[in-house]
Amino acid sequence: MDELDMKILRLMCEGLYSYENLAERCGLSQNTVY
């Protein structure tokens, strides 16, 4: 996992963003599997 992954996971755990919002912001597909 890189720094971006850790940042995303931390935000998700804090409930600040939904997965869909993160995917949109980061330009990722919703099909991306971590």
PDB file of N, CA and C in Angstrom:
ATOM      1  N   MET A   1       0.830  -1.199   0.000  1.00  0.00           N
ATOM      2  CA  MET A   1       0.000   0.000   0.000  1.00  0.00           C
ATOM      3  C   MET A   1       0.867   1.253   0.000  1.00  0.00           C
ATOM      4  N   ASP A   2       0.469   2.201  -0.821  1.00  0.00           N
ATOM      5  CA  ASP A   2       1.232   3.440  -0.829  1.00  0.00           C
ATOM      6  C   ASP A   2       0.544   4.497   0.028  1.00  0.00           C
ATOM      7  N   GLU A   3       1.097   5.677   0.037  1.00  0.00           N
ATOM      8  CA  GLU A   3       0.598   6.746   0.904  1.00  0.00           C
ATOM      9  C   GLU A   3      -0.836   7.128   0.561  1.00  0.00           C
ATOM     10  N   LEU A   4      -1.147   7.137  -0.749  1.00  0.00           N
ATOM     11  CA  LEU A   4      -2.505   7.478  -1.171  1.00  0.00           C
ATOM     12  C   LEU A   4      -3.508   6.469  -0.641  1.00  0.00           C
ATOM     13  N   ASP A   5      -3.158   5.182  -0.718  1.00  0.00           N
ATOM     14  CA  ASP A   5      -4.047   4.134  -0.201  1.00  0.00           C
ATOM     15  C   ASP A   5      -4.321   4.343   1.279  1.00  0.00           C
ATOM     16  N   MET A   6      -3.278   4.646   2.033  1.00  0.00           N
ATOM     17  CA  MET A   6      -3.439   4.857   3.473  1.00  0.00           C
ATOM     18  C   MET A   6      -4.336   6.053   3.742  1.00  0.00           C
ATOM     19  N   LYS A   7      -4.167   7.104   2.958  1.00  0.00           N
ATOM     20  CA  LYS A   7      -4.976   8.313   3.114  1.00  0.00           C
ATOM     21  C   LYS A   7      -6.443   7.997   2.845  1.00  0.00           C
ATOM     22  N   ILE A   8      -6.701   7.257   1.771  1.00  0.00           N
ATOM     23  CA  ILE A   8      -8.070   6.875   1.415  1.00  0.00           C
ATOM     24  C   ILE A   8      -8.692   6.031   2.513  1.00  0.00           C
ATOM     25  N   LEU A   9      -7.957   5.032   2.987  1.00  0.00           N
ATOM     26  CA  LEU A   9      -8.492   4.157   4.034  1.00  0.00           C
ATOM     27  C   LEU A   9      -8.786   4.936   5.304  1.00  0.00           C
ATOM     28  N   ARG A  10      -7.908   5.873   5.639  1.00  0.00           N
ATOM     29  CA  ARG A  10      -8.112   6.684   6.841  1.00  0.00           C
ATOM     30  C   ARG A  10      -9.373   7.534   6.700  1.00  0.00           C
ATOM     31  N   LEU A  11      -9.557   8.146   5.540  1.00  0.00           N
ATOM     32  CA  LEU A  11     -10.749   8.958   5.306  1.00  0.00           C
ATOM     33  C   LEU A  11     -12.010   8.106   5.370  1.00  0.00           C
ATOM     34  N   MET A  12     -11.948   6.902   4.799  1.00  0.00           N
ATOM     35  CA  MET A  12     -13.107   6.006   4.820  1.00  0.00           C
ATOM     36  C   MET A  12     -13.441   5.610   6.251  1.00  0.00           C
ATOM     37  N   CYS A  13     -12.410   5.299   7.034  1.00  0.00           N
ATOM     38  CA  CYS A  13     -12.618   4.888   8.419  1.00  0.00           C
ATOM     39  C   CYS A  13     -13.209   6.023   9.243  1.00  0.00           C
ATOM     40  N   GLU A  14     -12.848   7.245   8.895  1.00  0.00           N
ATOM     41  CA  GLU A  14     -13.376   8.401   9.608  1.00  0.00           C
ATOM     42  C   GLU A  14     -14.772   8.758   9.116  1.00  0.00           C
ATOM     43  N   GLY A  15     -15.196   8.136   8.017  1.00  0.00           N
ATOM     44  CA  GLY A  15     -16.535   8.371   7.494  1.00  0.00           C
ATOM     45  C   GLY A  15     -16.703   9.729   6.838  1.00  0.00           C
ATOM     46  N   LEU A  16     -15.598  10.332   6.415  1.00  0.00           N
ATOM     47  CA  LEU A  16     -15.685  11.659   5.813  1.00  0.00           C
ATOM     48  C   LEU A  16     -16.174  11.586   4.373  1.00  0.00           C
ATOM     49  N   TYR A  17     -15.824  10.492   3.706  1.00  0.00           N
ATOM     50  CA  TYR A  17     -16.210  10.333   2.316  1.00  0.00           C
ATOM     51  C   TYR A  17     -16.723   8.924   2.082  1.00  0.00           C
ATOM     52  N   SER A  18     -17.671   8.806   1.178  1.00  0.00           N
ATOM     53  CA  SER A  18     -18.099   7.477   0.753  1.00  0.00           C
ATOM     54  C   SER A  18     -17.087   6.970  -0.271  1.00  0.00           C
ATOM     55  N   TYR A  19     -17.098   5.682  -0.534  1.00  0.00           N
ATOM     56  CA  TYR A  19     -16.166   5.117  -1.512  1.00  0.00           C
ATOM     57  C   TYR A  19     -16.348   5.768  -2.875  1.00  0.00           C
ATOM     58  N   GLU A  20     -17.608   6.003  -3.257  1.00  0.00           N
ATOM     59  CA  GLU A  20     -17.910   6.587  -4.559  1.00  0.00           C
ATOM     60  C   GLU A  20     -17.312   7.984  -4.680  1.00  0.00           C
ATOM     61  N   ASN A  21     -17.438   8.778  -3.619  1.00  0.00           N
ATOM     62  CA  ASN A  21     -16.872  10.126  -3.644  1.00  0.00           C
ATOM     63  C   ASN A  21     -15.358  10.081  -3.754  1.00  0.00           C
ATOM     64  N   LEU A  22     -14.735   9.151  -3.031  1.00  0.00           N
ATOM     65  CA  LEU A  22     -13.284   9.018  -3.101  1.00  0.00           C
ATOM     66  C   LEU A  22     -12.852   8.602  -4.501  1.00  0.00           C
ATOM     67  N   ALA A  23     -13.565   7.666  -5.079  1.00  0.00           N
ATOM     68  CA  ALA A  23     -13.232   7.195  -6.413  1.00  0.00           C
ATOM     69  C   ALA A  23     -13.322   8.349  -7.409  1.00  0.00           C
ATOM     70  N   GLU A  24     -14.353   9.163  -7.256  1.00  0.00           N
ATOM     71  CA  GLU A  24     -14.542  10.305  -8.140  1.00  0.00           C
ATOM     72  C   GLU A  24     -13.400  11.304  -7.979  1.00  0.00           C
ATOM     73  N   ARG A  25     -13.065  11.606  -6.735  1.00  0.00           N
ATOM     74  CA  ARG A  25     -12.014  12.584  -6.444  1.00  0.00           C
ATOM     75  C   ARG A  25     -10.648  12.102  -6.918  1.00  0.00           C
ATOM     76  N   CYS A  26     -10.413  10.819  -6.798  1.00  0.00           N
ATOM     77  CA  CYS A  26      -9.100  10.269  -7.127  1.00  0.00           C
ATOM     78  C   CYS A  26      -9.029   9.760  -8.560  1.00  0.00           C
ATOM     79  N   GLY A  27     -10.144   9.804  -9.270  1.00  0.00           N
ATOM     80  CA  GLY A  27     -10.151   9.353 -10.648  1.00  0.00           C
ATOM     81  C   GLY A  27     -10.042   7.846 -10.767  1.00  0.00           C
ATOM     82  N   LEU A  28     -10.547   7.123  -9.753  1.00  0.00           N
ATOM     83  CA  LEU A  28     -10.472   5.668  -9.765  1.00  0.00           C
ATOM     84  C   LEU A  28     -11.802   5.069 -10.188  1.00  0.00           C
ATOM     85  N   SER A  29     -11.728   3.868 -10.705  1.00  0.00           N
ATOM     86  CA  SER A  29     -12.946   3.133 -11.025  1.00  0.00           C
ATOM     87  C   SER A  29     -13.533   2.549  -9.752  1.00  0.00           C
ATOM     88  N   GLN A  30     -14.855   2.458  -9.688  1.00  0.00           N
ATOM     89  CA  GLN A  30     -15.491   1.854  -8.521  1.00  0.00           C
ATOM     90  C   GLN A  30     -15.185   0.363  -8.451  1.00  0.00           C
ATOM     91  N   ASN A  31     -14.669  -0.184  -9.545  1.00  0.00           N
ATOM     92  CA  ASN A  31     -14.333  -1.603  -9.576  1.00  0.00           C
ATOM     93  C   ASN A  31     -12.947  -1.870  -9.006  1.00  0.00           C
ATOM     94  N   THR A  32     -12.239  -0.809  -8.645  1.00  0.00           N
ATOM     95  CA  THR A  32     -10.899  -0.985  -8.083  1.00  0.00           C
ATOM     96  C   THR A  32     -10.982  -1.747  -6.773  1.00  0.00           C
ATOM     97  N   VAL A  33     -10.175  -2.797  -6.655  1.00  0.00           N
ATOM     98  CA  VAL A  33     -10.193  -3.622  -5.449  1.00  0.00           C
ATOM     99  C   VAL A  33      -8.929  -3.366  -4.650  1.00  0.00           C
ATOM    100  N   TYR A  34      -9.085  -3.135  -3.350  1.00  0.00           N
ATOM    101  CA  TYR A  34      -7.931  -2.901  -2.487  1.00  0.00           C
ATOM    102  C   TYR A  34      -7.613  -4.160  -1.718  1.00  0.00           C
TER     103      TYR A  34
END
